[in-house]
């Protein structure tokens, strides 16, 4: 997307889905925008995943998506978001009040490179945030040392998680069939009501064979 000058602006777990091969797909481009220099009025997003510059109505760039990536990484490590509030204002106040950092002591089961990667993504100042200089900054980070990007791009890398798509699709289809049956039964009951039938007085109907 960034290569095509598109900022997603609403990256969060709910907007990521697995395909049959276990590769993540980004969904919901409802508030995505083409990047432009003056965009301080574009403040849509999900509180908790929105970058500070968006909350503060400042001009912003692709770094807002990297901030959201950092929030999700932080969430995967700790089970919670770095900045929490019941409203956009509370989240904004939290971000303005302090810079959150993960420490090795807090996360003994995770590598120092992953912790550093996360901390640099959730950097409040967009000029200091990892990725402000382009995707190469992320790919060159020590956490990705030795990572086979070619296998990833060609989808030859085995995924650590494979969703049970066939089972899910079967259950989804069964659910739709049941829903359709229920709706038909409900509509039939409604059509048989006396006040509904009276609306068709004077009309004749011959079923074509």
Protein backbone atom coordinates (compact mmCIF):
# COMPACT_ATOMS: atom_id res chain seq x y z
CA UNK A 1 0.00 0.00 0.00
CA UNK A 2 2.72 2.45 0.94
CA UNK A 3 4.41 1.84 -2.40
CA UNK A 4 1.17 3.08 -3.96
CA UNK A 5 1.04 6.16 -1.69
CA UNK A 6 -1.79 4.72 0.44
CA UNK A 7 -1.96 5.14 4.22
CA UNK A 8 -4.28 2.57 5.80
CA UNK A 9 -4.83 4.58 9.02
CA UNK A 10 -6.81 1.88 10.83
CA UNK A 11 -4.50 -1.09 11.32
CA UNK A 12 -5.65 -3.23 14.24
CA UNK A 13 -6.18 -6.95 14.95
CA UNK A 14 -9.79 -6.81 13.75
CA UNK A 15 -8.61 -5.70 10.31
CA UNK A 16 -6.18 -8.57 9.80
CA UNK A 17 -7.32 -11.97 8.54
CA UNK A 18 -5.49 -15.20 7.71
CA UNK A 19 -5.74 -16.74 4.27
CA UNK A 20 -5.69 -20.50 3.67
CA UNK A 21 -1.88 -20.55 3.71
CA UNK A 22 -1.66 -18.75 7.04
CA UNK A 23 -0.57 -15.43 5.53
CA UNK A 24 -2.07 -12.24 6.91
CA UNK A 25 -4.27 -10.06 4.73
CA UNK A 26 -5.13 -6.45 5.50
CA UNK A 27 -8.84 -5.60 5.26
CA UNK A 28 -11.12 -2.59 5.68
CA UNK A 29 -9.77 0.30 3.64
CA UNK A 30 -12.76 2.44 4.59
CA UNK A 31 -10.68 5.31 5.96
CA UNK A 32 -7.50 4.69 3.97
CA UNK A 33 -6.27 7.74 2.11
CA UNK A 34 -3.77 8.66 -0.56
CA UNK A 35 -0.88 10.40 1.12
CA UNK A 36 -0.78 14.16 0.84
CA UNK A 37 1.30 16.79 2.62
CA UNK A 38 -1.59 18.68 4.21
CA UNK A 39 -3.78 16.10 5.96
CA UNK A 40 -4.10 17.40 9.52
CA UNK A 41 -7.91 17.36 9.25
CA UNK A 42 -8.02 13.61 8.58
CA UNK A 43 -8.32 12.30 12.12
CA UNK A 44 -10.31 9.08 11.73
CA UNK A 45 -9.11 5.84 13.29
CA UNK A 46 -9.46 3.60 16.32
CA UNK A 47 -8.39 5.08 19.68
CA UNK A 48 -5.55 3.04 21.10
CA UNK A 49 -4.08 2.35 17.67
CA UNK A 50 -4.04 5.92 16.37
CA UNK A 51 -0.67 7.62 16.22
CA UNK A 52 -0.18 10.73 18.38
CA UNK A 53 0.14 13.01 15.35
CA UNK A 54 -3.34 11.96 14.19
CA UNK A 55 -4.87 12.51 17.63
CA UNK A 56 -3.21 15.92 17.80
CA UNK A 57 -4.51 16.89 14.35
CA UNK A 58 -1.04 17.18 12.86
CA UNK A 59 0.07 16.37 9.34
CA UNK A 60 1.05 12.71 9.19
CA UNK A 61 2.53 10.12 6.86
CA UNK A 62 3.06 6.35 6.62
CA UNK A 63 4.46 6.34 10.14
CA UNK A 64 0.92 6.16 11.52
CA UNK A 65 0.67 2.60 10.19
CA UNK A 66 4.00 1.70 11.77
CA UNK A 67 2.81 3.08 15.10
CA UNK A 68 -0.27 0.83 14.85
CA UNK A 69 2.01 -2.09 14.03
CA UNK A 70 3.96 -1.30 17.17
CA UNK A 71 0.78 -1.21 19.23
CA UNK A 72 -0.19 -4.65 17.93
CA UNK A 73 3.29 -6.02 18.62
CA UNK A 74 3.16 -4.57 22.13
CA UNK A 75 -0.29 -6.12 22.57
CA UNK A 76 0.91 -9.54 21.43
CA UNK A 77 3.75 -9.40 23.95
CA UNK A 78 1.91 -7.99 26.97
CA UNK A 79 -1.76 -8.69 26.28
CA UNK A 80 -2.66 -5.00 26.45
CA UNK A 81 -2.24 -1.81 24.44
CA UNK A 82 0.44 0.71 25.45
CA UNK A 83 -2.00 3.62 25.72
CA UNK A 84 -5.45 2.87 27.11
CA UNK A 85 -8.49 5.07 27.70
CA UNK A 86 -12.26 4.97 27.59
CA UNK A 87 -12.40 7.75 25.02
CA UNK A 88 -10.23 9.37 22.39
CA UNK A 89 -9.52 12.21 24.84
CA UNK A 90 -8.32 9.82 27.55
CA UNK A 91 -6.04 8.02 25.07
CA UNK A 92 -4.74 11.39 23.86
CA UNK A 93 -4.03 12.47 27.44
CA UNK A 94 -2.19 9.20 28.10
CA UNK A 95 0.00 9.65 25.06
CA UNK A 96 0.77 13.26 25.95
CA UNK A 97 1.61 12.31 29.52
CA UNK A 98 4.28 9.68 28.93
CA UNK A 99 6.26 7.56 26.50
CA UNK A 100 5.69 3.84 27.07
CA UNK A 101 8.70 1.51 26.89
CA UNK A 102 8.97 -2.24 27.24
CA UNK A 103 11.87 -3.56 29.31
CA UNK A 104 13.64 -6.90 29.24
CA UNK A 105 12.70 -7.37 32.90
CA UNK A 106 9.02 -7.03 32.05
CA UNK A 107 9.31 -9.44 29.12
CA UNK A 108 11.94 -12.05 30.05
CA UNK A 109 10.60 -14.55 27.52
CA UNK A 110 11.18 -12.26 24.55
CA UNK A 111 14.38 -11.25 22.79
CA UNK A 112 15.95 -7.86 23.36
CA UNK A 113 15.79 -7.22 19.61
CA UNK A 114 12.00 -7.71 19.58
CA UNK A 115 11.60 -5.39 22.55
CA UNK A 116 13.75 -2.77 20.82
CA UNK A 117 11.77 -3.21 17.60
CA UNK A 118 8.50 -2.64 19.46
CA UNK A 119 9.77 0.36 21.41
CA UNK A 120 10.95 2.06 18.25
CA UNK A 121 7.60 1.53 16.56
CA UNK A 122 5.54 3.00 19.43
CA UNK A 123 7.75 6.07 19.59
CA UNK A 124 5.48 9.08 20.09
CA UNK A 125 7.60 11.45 18.02
CA UNK A 126 7.02 10.51 14.40
CA UNK A 127 10.45 11.84 13.39
CA UNK A 128 12.08 9.25 15.68
CA UNK A 129 9.76 6.35 14.88
CA UNK A 130 11.08 3.26 13.14
CA UNK A 131 9.89 3.28 9.55
CA UNK A 132 9.87 7.05 9.07
CA UNK A 133 12.66 6.53 6.54
CA UNK A 134 10.83 3.76 4.71
CA UNK A 135 10.19 0.03 5.03
CA UNK A 136 13.91 -0.70 4.73
CA UNK A 137 14.36 0.56 8.29
CA UNK A 138 12.11 -2.22 9.55
CA UNK A 139 13.68 -4.89 7.35
CA UNK A 140 17.18 -3.87 8.47
CA UNK A 141 16.33 -4.05 12.17
CA UNK A 142 18.28 -6.73 14.12
CA UNK A 143 15.04 -8.58 14.94
CA UNK A 144 14.80 -9.51 11.25
CA UNK A 145 18.44 -10.52 10.95
CA UNK A 146 18.66 -13.52 8.60
CA UNK A 147 14.96 -13.36 7.73
CA UNK A 148 14.16 -14.81 4.30
CA UNK A 149 12.13 -12.03 2.71
CA UNK A 150 12.16 -13.68 -0.72
CA UNK A 151 10.45 -16.79 0.66
CA UNK A 152 7.90 -14.60 2.40
CA UNK A 153 7.07 -12.59 -0.72
CA UNK A 154 6.80 -15.74 -2.86
CA UNK A 155 4.68 -17.41 -0.15
CA UNK A 156 7.08 -20.34 0.08
CA UNK A 157 7.69 -19.83 3.79
CA UNK A 158 5.66 -22.25 5.96
CA UNK A 159 3.28 -20.30 8.18
CA UNK A 160 3.41 -20.96 11.95
CA UNK A 161 -0.39 -21.04 12.02
CA UNK A 162 -2.82 -22.51 9.49
CA UNK A 163 -6.48 -21.60 9.92
CA UNK A 164 -9.06 -24.35 9.51
CA UNK A 165 -10.73 -22.64 6.57
CA UNK A 166 -12.75 -25.65 5.37
CA UNK A 167 -14.25 -26.20 8.81
CA UNK A 168 -14.95 -22.50 9.23
CA UNK A 169 -16.55 -22.21 5.78
CA UNK A 170 -18.69 -25.28 6.48
CA UNK A 171 -19.95 -23.81 9.75
CA UNK A 172 -20.51 -20.45 8.07
CA UNK A 173 -22.53 -22.06 5.29
CA UNK A 174 -24.60 -24.03 7.80
CA UNK A 175 -25.24 -20.83 9.69
CA UNK A 176 -26.37 -19.05 6.54
CA UNK A 177 -28.66 -21.94 5.60
CA UNK A 178 -30.23 -21.91 9.05
CA UNK A 179 -30.60 -18.14 8.93
CA UNK A 180 -32.24 -18.33 5.49
CA UNK A 181 -34.65 -20.99 6.71
CA UNK A 182 -35.56 -18.93 9.76
CA UNK A 183 -36.11 -15.80 7.65
CA UNK A 184 -38.33 -17.65 5.17
CA UNK A 185 -40.44 -19.06 8.00
CA UNK A 186 -40.75 -15.61 9.57
CA UNK A 187 -41.70 -13.95 6.27
CA UNK A 188 -44.27 -16.68 5.60
CA UNK A 189 -45.89 -16.04 8.99
CA UNK A 190 -45.97 -12.31 8.30
CA UNK A 191 -47.54 -12.81 4.86
CA UNK A 192 -50.31 -14.96 6.32
CA UNK A 193 -51.43 -12.24 8.71
CA UNK A 194 -55.00 -11.09 8.00
CA UNK A 195 -54.06 -7.42 7.70
CA UNK A 196 -51.39 -8.31 5.13
CA UNK A 197 -53.69 -10.55 3.09
CA UNK A 198 -56.35 -7.83 2.98
CA UNK A 199 -53.96 -5.65 1.00
CA UNK A 200 -54.27 -8.14 -1.88
CA UNK A 201 -58.08 -8.22 -2.02
CA UNK A 202 -59.26 -8.07 -5.62
CA UNK A 203 -56.05 -9.52 -7.04
CA UNK A 204 -55.92 -12.94 -8.67
CA UNK A 205 -52.87 -15.15 -9.03
CA UNK A 206 -52.36 -18.14 -11.30
CA UNK A 207 -49.24 -20.21 -10.71
CA UNK A 208 -47.43 -20.81 -14.00
CA UNK A 209 -46.41 -24.39 -14.67
